[in-house]
Amino acid sequence: RMALVTTNSVLPGINLGPLLQMCISINPSIIPTAFLGTATIFACFSLSALYARRRSYLYLGGFLLSGLTLMLLSSLINAFVRSTWLFTANLYVALMIMCGFVLFDTQLIIEKAESGDKDYIWHCVDLFLDFVNIFRELLMILGMSEVAEGPWA
């Protein structure tokens, strides 16, 4: 069980390595900016889910999964079309979907805990993956905007 938790923690870190290296080469201040932005977004959406009426965000699950499916399809299309606009739109839509997952997962964890599921390790893994995904999206958005504003643009 701990091996699965470790795997779920190590693989996103390995996946972030090249993106972090690219951001360091563009502007090293992107990383702390993205981290603080992620922490702020995560805290705001988690608090919103905690203080909202019970089960008020659980209906988002279907919409979020449909959004992920549409993003997958648009990413596959963009692999052939190579549209910068579609890639950028995908980034912003992904950020919105990941924010929705913070709302959904936080309320789902609350409901699971109320019904007796006290598996805090997997609950933490769910929220950790949400945090990492928001961080990844913000890194890409900030990196792209820095390149667009840079002296080489």
N, C-alpha and C. Protein backbone atom coordinates (compact mmCIF):
# COMPACT_ATOMS: atom_id res chain seq x y z
N ARG A 1 0.82 -1.19 0.00
CA ARG A 1 0.00 0.00 0.00
C ARG A 1 0.87 1.26 0.00
N MET A 2 1.90 1.26 0.82
CA MET A 2 2.79 2.41 0.84
C MET A 2 3.59 2.51 -0.46
N ALA A 3 3.82 1.37 -1.10
CA ALA A 3 4.52 1.40 -2.39
C ALA A 3 3.68 2.14 -3.44
N LEU A 4 2.37 1.94 -3.40
CA LEU A 4 1.50 2.65 -4.33
C LEU A 4 1.48 4.14 -4.04
N VAL A 5 1.46 4.50 -2.77
CA VAL A 5 1.48 5.92 -2.39
C VAL A 5 2.80 6.54 -2.84
N THR A 6 3.89 5.83 -2.63
CA THR A 6 5.20 6.34 -3.04
C THR A 6 5.26 6.50 -4.56
N THR A 7 4.73 5.52 -5.28
CA THR A 7 4.70 5.60 -6.74
C THR A 7 3.88 6.79 -7.20
N ASN A 8 2.72 7.00 -6.55
CA ASN A 8 1.88 8.14 -6.91
C ASN A 8 2.51 9.47 -6.55
N SER A 9 3.52 9.46 -5.71
CA SER A 9 4.23 10.69 -5.36
C SER A 9 5.46 10.91 -6.22
N VAL A 10 6.14 9.84 -6.57
CA VAL A 10 7.40 9.95 -7.31
C VAL A 10 7.15 10.21 -8.80
N LEU A 11 6.19 9.53 -9.39
CA LEU A 11 5.96 9.68 -10.83
C LEU A 11 5.59 11.10 -11.26
N PRO A 12 4.70 11.80 -10.53
CA PRO A 12 4.47 13.21 -10.92
C PRO A 12 5.73 14.07 -10.81
N GLY A 13 6.58 13.77 -9.83
CA GLY A 13 7.83 14.52 -9.70
C GLY A 13 8.76 14.28 -10.87
N ILE A 14 8.85 13.04 -11.30
CA ILE A 14 9.68 12.72 -12.47
C ILE A 14 9.10 13.39 -13.72
N ASN A 15 7.79 13.39 -13.81
CA ASN A 15 7.12 14.00 -14.95
C ASN A 15 7.32 15.52 -14.97
N LEU A 16 7.42 16.14 -13.80
CA LEU A 16 7.60 17.60 -13.73
C LEU A 16 9.03 18.04 -14.01
N GLY A 17 9.99 17.14 -13.92
CA GLY A 17 11.40 17.49 -14.07
C GLY A 17 11.73 18.28 -15.33
N PRO A 18 11.39 17.78 -16.52
CA PRO A 18 11.70 18.54 -17.74
C PRO A 18 10.99 19.89 -17.81
N LEU A 19 9.76 19.94 -17.31
CA LEU A 19 9.03 21.21 -17.31
C LEU A 19 9.69 22.22 -16.37
N LEU A 20 10.13 21.76 -15.21
CA LEU A 20 10.84 22.64 -14.27
C LEU A 20 12.15 23.13 -14.88
N GLN A 21 12.86 22.25 -15.56
CA GLN A 21 14.12 22.63 -16.20
C GLN A 21 13.88 23.69 -17.28
N MET A 22 12.82 23.51 -18.05
CA MET A 22 12.50 24.50 -19.08
C MET A 22 12.17 25.85 -18.44
N CYS A 23 11.39 25.83 -17.36
CA CYS A 23 11.02 27.09 -16.69
C CYS A 23 12.23 27.76 -16.07
N ILE A 24 13.17 26.98 -15.55
CA ILE A 24 14.40 27.56 -15.00
C ILE A 24 15.19 28.25 -16.11
N SER A 25 15.23 27.63 -17.29
CA SER A 25 15.98 28.23 -18.40
C SER A 25 15.30 29.50 -18.93
N ILE A 26 13.98 29.58 -18.81
CA ILE A 26 13.27 30.78 -19.27
C ILE A 26 13.41 31.90 -18.24
N ASN A 27 12.95 31.61 -17.00
CA ASN A 27 13.02 32.59 -15.91
C ASN A 27 12.81 31.82 -14.61
N PRO A 28 13.81 31.74 -13.75
CA PRO A 28 13.68 30.95 -12.53
C PRO A 28 12.57 31.42 -11.59
N SER A 29 12.13 32.66 -11.71
CA SER A 29 11.08 33.14 -10.81
C SER A 29 9.70 32.57 -11.16
N ILE A 30 9.59 31.88 -12.29
CA ILE A 30 8.32 31.26 -12.66
C ILE A 30 7.93 30.19 -11.64
N ILE A 31 8.89 29.44 -11.14
CA ILE A 31 8.59 28.31 -10.27
C ILE A 31 7.97 28.76 -8.94
N PRO A 32 8.59 29.70 -8.19
CA PRO A 32 7.92 30.12 -6.96
C PRO A 32 6.60 30.84 -7.21
N THR A 33 6.51 31.56 -8.33
CA THR A 33 5.25 32.22 -8.66
C THR A 33 4.15 31.19 -8.90
N ALA A 34 4.48 30.14 -9.65
CA ALA A 34 3.50 29.08 -9.91
C ALA A 34 3.14 28.35 -8.63
N PHE A 35 4.12 28.12 -7.76
CA PHE A 35 3.84 27.42 -6.50
C PHE A 35 2.92 28.25 -5.61
N LEU A 36 3.22 29.53 -5.47
CA LEU A 36 2.36 30.39 -4.64
C LEU A 36 0.97 30.53 -5.24
N GLY A 37 0.90 30.62 -6.56
CA GLY A 37 -0.40 30.67 -7.23
C GLY A 37 -1.18 29.39 -7.01
N THR A 38 -0.50 28.26 -7.11
CA THR A 38 -1.15 26.97 -6.89
C THR A 38 -1.64 26.85 -5.46
N ALA A 39 -0.81 27.24 -4.50
CA ALA A 39 -1.21 27.17 -3.10
C ALA A 39 -2.42 28.06 -2.82
N THR A 40 -2.43 29.24 -3.41
CA THR A 40 -3.56 30.16 -3.22
C THR A 40 -4.83 29.59 -3.84
N ILE A 41 -4.73 29.13 -5.08
CA ILE A 41 -5.89 28.54 -5.76
C ILE A 41 -6.40 27.34 -4.98
N PHE A 42 -5.49 26.47 -4.58
CA PHE A 42 -5.87 25.25 -3.86
C PHE A 42 -6.56 25.60 -2.54
N ALA A 43 -5.99 26.54 -1.80
CA ALA A 43 -6.57 26.92 -0.51
C ALA A 43 -7.96 27.53 -0.70
N CYS A 44 -8.10 28.42 -1.66
CA CYS A 44 -9.40 29.06 -1.89
C CYS A 44 -10.47 28.06 -2.29
N PHE A 45 -10.16 27.17 -3.21
CA PHE A 45 -11.15 26.20 -3.65
C PHE A 45 -11.44 25.16 -2.58
N SER A 46 -10.44 24.78 -1.80
CA SER A 46 -10.68 23.83 -0.71
C SER A 46 -11.56 24.45 0.36
N LEU A 47 -11.27 25.70 0.73
CA LEU A 47 -12.10 26.37 1.72
C LEU A 47 -13.52 26.58 1.21
N SER A 48 -13.65 26.88 -0.07
CA SER A 48 -14.97 27.01 -0.66
C SER A 48 -15.75 25.70 -0.55
N ALA A 49 -15.09 24.59 -0.82
CA ALA A 49 -15.75 23.29 -0.71
C ALA A 49 -16.07 22.94 0.74
N LEU A 50 -15.20 23.33 1.66
CA LEU A 50 -15.44 23.02 3.07
C LEU A 50 -16.61 23.81 3.63
N TYR A 51 -16.76 25.06 3.22
CA TYR A 51 -17.80 25.91 3.77
C TYR A 51 -19.10 25.90 2.97
N ALA A 52 -19.12 25.23 1.85
CA ALA A 52 -20.33 25.14 1.04
C ALA A 52 -21.30 24.15 1.67
N ARG A 53 -22.55 24.22 1.20
CA ARG A 53 -23.53 23.24 1.68
C ARG A 53 -23.05 21.83 1.35
N ARG A 54 -23.43 20.90 2.18
CA ARG A 54 -23.01 19.52 1.99
C ARG A 54 -23.47 19.00 0.63
N ARG A 55 -22.59 18.31 -0.05
CA ARG A 55 -22.84 17.68 -1.34
C ARG A 55 -23.21 18.66 -2.45
N SER A 56 -22.91 19.93 -2.29
CA SER A 56 -23.30 20.90 -3.32
C SER A 56 -22.39 20.87 -4.54
N TYR A 57 -21.18 20.34 -4.41
CA TYR A 57 -20.27 20.27 -5.55
C TYR A 57 -20.08 18.86 -6.09
N LEU A 58 -20.76 17.90 -5.51
CA LEU A 58 -20.58 16.52 -5.97
C LEU A 58 -21.16 16.29 -7.37
N TYR A 59 -22.09 17.14 -7.78
CA TYR A 59 -22.65 17.01 -9.12
C TYR A 59 -21.63 17.33 -10.21
N LEU A 60 -20.53 17.97 -9.85
CA LEU A 60 -19.52 18.36 -10.83
C LEU A 60 -18.77 17.18 -11.44
N GLY A 61 -18.82 16.02 -10.81
CA GLY A 61 -18.04 14.87 -11.26
C GLY A 61 -18.25 14.53 -12.73
N GLY A 62 -19.49 14.45 -13.17
CA GLY A 62 -19.78 14.12 -14.56
C GLY A 62 -19.28 15.18 -15.52
N PHE A 63 -19.49 16.44 -15.16
CA PHE A 63 -19.02 17.54 -16.01
C PHE A 63 -17.50 17.55 -16.12
N LEU A 64 -16.84 17.31 -14.99
CA LEU A 64 -15.37 17.33 -14.99
C LEU A 64 -14.80 16.19 -15.83
N LEU A 65 -15.37 15.01 -15.71
CA LEU A 65 -14.89 13.88 -16.51
C LEU A 65 -15.20 14.09 -17.99
N SER A 66 -16.35 14.69 -18.30
CA SER A 66 -16.65 15.01 -19.70
C SER A 66 -15.66 16.03 -20.23
N GLY A 67 -15.31 17.02 -19.40
CA GLY A 67 -14.32 18.01 -19.81
C GLY A 67 -12.97 17.39 -20.06
N LEU A 68 -12.58 16.43 -19.21
CA LEU A 68 -11.30 15.74 -19.43
C LEU A 68 -11.32 14.95 -20.73
N THR A 69 -12.45 14.34 -21.03
CA THR A 69 -12.57 13.58 -22.28
C THR A 69 -12.45 14.52 -23.49
N LEU A 70 -13.12 15.66 -23.43
CA LEU A 70 -13.02 16.63 -24.52
C LEU A 70 -11.60 17.16 -24.66
N MET A 71 -10.93 17.37 -23.52
CA MET A 71 -9.54 17.82 -23.58
C MET A 71 -8.64 16.77 -24.23
N LEU A 72 -8.89 15.50 -23.91
CA LEU A 72 -8.11 14.43 -24.52
C LEU A 72 -8.31 14.42 -26.04
N LEU A 73 -9.57 14.55 -26.46
CA LEU A 73 -9.84 14.58 -27.90
C LEU A 73 -9.21 15.79 -28.57
N SER A 74 -9.31 16.95 -27.95
CA SER A 74 -8.70 18.14 -28.56
C SER A 74 -7.18 18.04 -28.57
N SER A 75 -6.60 17.38 -27.58
CA SER A 75 -5.14 17.18 -27.58
C SER A 75 -4.73 16.24 -28.70
N LEU A 76 -5.52 15.20 -28.93
CA LEU A 76 -5.22 14.29 -30.04
C LEU A 76 -5.34 15.00 -31.38
N ILE A 77 -6.36 15.82 -31.52
CA ILE A 77 -6.52 16.59 -32.76
C ILE A 77 -5.36 17.55 -32.92
N ASN A 78 -4.96 18.18 -31.82
CA ASN A 78 -3.88 19.16 -31.88
C ASN A 78 -2.53 18.51 -32.18
N ALA A 79 -2.40 17.23 -31.92
CA ALA A 79 -1.16 16.54 -32.27
C ALA A 79 -0.94 16.55 -33.78
N PHE A 80 -2.04 16.60 -34.53
CA PHE A 80 -1.94 16.62 -35.99
C PHE A 80 -2.04 18.04 -36.55
N VAL A 81 -2.87 18.87 -35.93
CA VAL A 81 -3.10 20.23 -36.42
C VAL A 81 -1.98 21.16 -36.00
N ARG A 82 -1.44 20.97 -34.81
CA ARG A 82 -0.36 21.79 -34.23
C ARG A 82 -0.74 23.27 -34.13
N SER A 83 -1.88 23.50 -33.51
CA SER A 83 -2.37 24.86 -33.33
C SER A 83 -1.95 25.40 -31.97
N THR A 84 -1.27 26.53 -31.96
CA THR A 84 -0.88 27.17 -30.70
C THR A 84 -2.11 27.65 -29.95
N TRP A 85 -3.09 28.14 -30.68
CA TRP A 85 -4.32 28.61 -30.05
C TRP A 85 -5.03 27.47 -29.33
N LEU A 86 -5.14 26.32 -29.97
CA LEU A 86 -5.81 25.17 -29.36
C LEU A 86 -5.04 24.67 -28.14
N PHE A 87 -3.72 24.68 -28.21
CA PHE A 87 -2.90 24.28 -27.07
C PHE A 87 -3.11 25.23 -25.89
N THR A 88 -3.13 26.53 -26.17
CA THR A 88 -3.34 27.51 -25.11
C THR A 88 -4.74 27.39 -24.52
N ALA A 89 -5.73 27.21 -25.36
CA ALA A 89 -7.10 27.02 -24.87
C ALA A 89 -7.19 25.78 -24.00
N ASN A 90 -6.50 24.73 -24.42
CA ASN A 90 -6.47 23.49 -23.64
C ASN A 90 -5.85 23.72 -22.26
N LEU A 91 -4.81 24.54 -22.18
CA LEU A 91 -4.18 24.84 -20.90
C LEU A 91 -5.14 25.52 -19.94
N TYR A 92 -5.84 26.53 -20.42
CA TYR A 92 -6.76 27.27 -19.56
C TYR A 92 -7.97 26.43 -19.16
N VAL A 93 -8.47 25.63 -20.10
CA VAL A 93 -9.58 24.73 -19.77
C VAL A 93 -9.12 23.70 -18.74
N ALA A 94 -7.91 23.18 -18.91
CA ALA A 94 -7.38 22.21 -17.94
C ALA A 94 -7.25 22.83 -16.56
N LEU A 95 -6.82 24.08 -16.49
CA LEU A 95 -6.72 24.76 -15.20
C LEU A 95 -8.08 24.88 -14.54
N MET A 96 -9.09 25.24 -15.32
CA MET A 96 -10.45 25.34 -14.76
C MET A 96 -10.95 23.97 -14.30
N ILE A 97 -10.68 22.94 -15.09
CA ILE A 97 -11.13 21.60 -14.71
C ILE A 97 -10.43 21.14 -13.44
N MET A 98 -9.14 21.41 -13.32
CA MET A 98 -8.41 21.00 -12.11
C MET A 98 -8.91 21.75 -10.88
N CYS A 99 -9.29 23.01 -11.05
CA CYS A 99 -9.89 23.74 -9.93
C CYS A 99 -11.22 23.11 -9.54
N GLY A 100 -11.98 22.68 -10.54
CA GLY A 100 -13.22 21.97 -10.26
C GLY A 100 -12.98 20.66 -9.53
N PHE A 101 -11.89 19.97 -9.88
CA PHE A 101 -11.58 18.73 -9.19
C PHE A 101 -11.22 18.96 -7.72
N VAL A 102 -10.63 20.11 -7.40
CA VAL A 102 -10.35 20.41 -6.00
C VAL A 102 -11.67 20.52 -5.24
N LEU A 103 -12.64 21.23 -5.81
CA LEU A 103 -13.96 21.33 -5.19
C LEU A 103 -14.59 19.96 -5.03
N PHE A 104 -14.60 19.21 -6.12
CA PHE A 104 -15.25 17.90 -6.13
C PHE A 104 -14.57 16.93 -5.16
N ASP A 105 -13.25 16.82 -5.25
CA ASP A 105 -12.53 15.86 -4.40
C ASP A 105 -12.62 16.22 -2.93
N THR A 106 -12.58 17.51 -2.61
CA THR A 106 -12.69 17.91 -1.20
C THR A 106 -14.05 17.51 -0.64
N GLN A 107 -15.11 17.79 -1.38
CA GLN A 107 -16.43 17.39 -0.88
C GLN A 107 -16.62 15.88 -0.90
N LEU A 108 -16.04 15.21 -1.86
CA LEU A 108 -16.13 13.75 -1.89
C LEU A 108 -15.41 13.14 -0.69
N ILE A 109 -14.28 13.69 -0.32
CA ILE A 109 -13.55 13.21 0.85
C ILE A 109 -14.37 13.45 2.11
N ILE A 110 -15.02 14.60 2.20
CA ILE A 110 -15.87 14.88 3.36
C ILE A 110 -16.99 13.86 3.44
N GLU A 111 -17.63 13.58 2.33
CA GLU A 111 -18.73 12.61 2.32
C GLU A 111 -18.24 11.21 2.65
N LYS A 112 -17.10 10.84 2.12
CA LYS A 112 -16.54 9.52 2.44
C LYS A 112 -16.22 9.41 3.92
N ALA A 113 -15.67 10.47 4.49
CA ALA A 113 -15.34 10.46 5.92
C ALA A 113 -16.60 10.38 6.76
N GLU A 114 -17.65 11.07 6.34
CA GLU A 114 -18.92 11.02 7.08
C GLU A 114 -19.54 9.63 7.02
N SER A 115 -19.32 8.91 5.92
CA SER A 115 -19.90 7.57 5.79
C SER A 115 -18.99 6.48 6.34
N GLY A 116 -17.87 6.86 6.95
CA GLY A 116 -17.03 5.88 7.62
C GLY A 116 -15.72 5.56 6.94
N ASP A 117 -15.48 6.07 5.75
CA ASP A 117 -14.22 5.81 5.05
C ASP A 117 -13.16 6.75 5.58
N LYS A 118 -12.30 6.26 6.44
CA LYS A 118 -11.27 7.08 7.07
C LYS A 118 -9.89 6.83 6.44
N ASP A 119 -9.85 6.48 5.17
CA ASP A 119 -8.59 6.19 4.49
C ASP A 119 -7.90 7.50 4.10
N TYR A 120 -7.31 8.14 5.08
CA TYR A 120 -6.73 9.47 4.89
C TYR A 120 -5.56 9.45 3.92
N ILE A 121 -4.89 8.32 3.77
CA ILE A 121 -3.74 8.27 2.86
C ILE A 121 -4.20 8.48 1.42
N TRP A 122 -5.22 7.76 0.99
CA TRP A 122 -5.70 7.93 -0.38
C TRP A 122 -6.39 9.26 -0.58
N HIS A 123 -7.02 9.77 0.47
CA HIS A 123 -7.62 11.10 0.37
C HIS A 123 -6.53 12.14 0.12
N CYS A 124 -5.42 12.00 0.81
CA CYS A 124 -4.29 12.92 0.60
C CYS A 124 -3.71 12.77 -0.80
N VAL A 125 -3.64 11.55 -1.29
CA VAL A 125 -3.11 11.33 -2.65
C VAL A 125 -4.01 12.02 -3.68
N ASP A 126 -5.33 11.92 -3.50
CA ASP A 126 -6.25 12.61 -4.42
C ASP A 126 -5.98 14.11 -4.45
N LEU A 127 -5.88 14.71 -3.28
CA LEU A 127 -5.65 16.15 -3.22
C LEU A 127 -4.25 16.52 -3.70
N PHE A 128 -3.28 15.67 -3.42
CA PHE A 128 -1.91 15.92 -3.89
C PHE A 128 -1.86 15.94 -5.42
N LEU A 129 -2.54 14.99 -6.05
CA LEU A 129 -2.55 14.95 -7.52
C LEU A 129 -3.27 16.18 -8.09
N ASP A 130 -4.32 16.64 -7.42
CA ASP A 130 -4.97 17.88 -7.85
C ASP A 130 -4.00 19.05 -7.77
N PHE A 131 -3.25 19.11 -6.67
CA PHE A 131 -2.28 20.19 -6.46
C PHE A 131 -1.20 20.16 -7.55
N VAL A 132 -0.68 18.97 -7.82
CA VAL A 132 0.38 18.84 -8.83
C VAL A 132 -0.13 19.22 -10.21
N ASN A 133 -1.36 18.83 -10.53
CA ASN A 133 -1.91 19.17 -11.85
C ASN A 133 -2.11 20.68 -12.01
N ILE A 134 -2.59 21.34 -10.95
CA ILE A 134 -2.73 22.80 -11.02
C ILE A 134 -1.36 23.44 -11.17
N PHE A 135 -0.37 22.94 -10.42
CA PHE A 135 0.98 23.47 -10.51
C PHE A 135 1.54 23.32 -11.92
N ARG A 136 1.32 22.17 -12.53
CA ARG A 136 1.81 21.92 -13.89
C ARG A 136 1.16 22.89 -14.88
N GLU A 137 -0.15 23.07 -14.77
CA GLU A 137 -0.84 23.98 -15.69
C GLU A 137 -0.34 25.41 -15.52
N LEU A 138 -0.17 25.85 -14.27
CA LEU A 138 0.32 27.21 -14.04
C LEU A 138 1.75 27.38 -14.55
N LEU A 139 2.58 26.36 -14.37
CA LEU A 139 3.95 26.44 -14.91
C LEU A 139 3.93 26.65 -16.42
N MET A 140 3.10 25.89 -17.10
CA MET A 140 3.05 26.02 -18.56
C MET A 140 2.48 27.37 -18.98
N ILE A 141 1.44 27.83 -18.30
CA ILE A 141 0.85 29.13 -18.65
C ILE A 141 1.85 30.25 -18.41
N LEU A 142 2.49 30.25 -17.24
CA LEU A 142 3.46 31.30 -16.93
C LEU A 142 4.68 31.23 -17.85
N GLY A 143 5.13 30.02 -18.15
CA GLY A 143 6.26 29.86 -19.06
C GLY A 143 5.95 30.38 -20.45
N MET A 144 4.76 30.06 -20.96
CA MET A 144 4.38 30.55 -22.28
C MET A 144 4.24 32.06 -22.30
N SER A 145 3.68 32.63 -21.24
CA SER A 145 3.53 34.09 -21.23
C SER A 145 4.89 34.78 -21.10
N GLU A 146 5.82 34.16 -20.38
CA GLU A 146 7.16 34.74 -20.25
C GLU A 146 7.89 34.69 -21.59
N VAL A 147 7.73 33.61 -22.32
CA VAL A 147 8.37 33.50 -23.64
C VAL A 147 7.77 34.52 -24.60
N ALA A 148 6.45 34.71 -24.52
CA ALA A 148 5.79 35.67 -25.41
C ALA A 148 6.23 37.10 -25.11
N GLU A 149 6.56 37.40 -23.85
CA GLU A 149 6.97 38.75 -23.47
C GLU A 149 8.47 38.96 -23.51
N GLY A 150 9.24 37.88 -23.67
CA GLY A 150 10.69 37.96 -23.56
C GLY A 150 11.34 38.71 -24.71
N PRO A 151 12.64 38.98 -24.58
CA PRO A 151 13.37 39.73 -25.62
C PRO A 151 13.53 38.94 -26.91
N TRP A 152 13.38 37.63 -26.85
CA TRP A 152 13.56 36.81 -28.05
C TRP A 152 12.24 36.60 -28.79
N ALA A 153 11.15 37.16 -28.29
CA ALA A 153 9.84 36.99 -28.94
C ALA A 153 9.68 37.94 -30.11
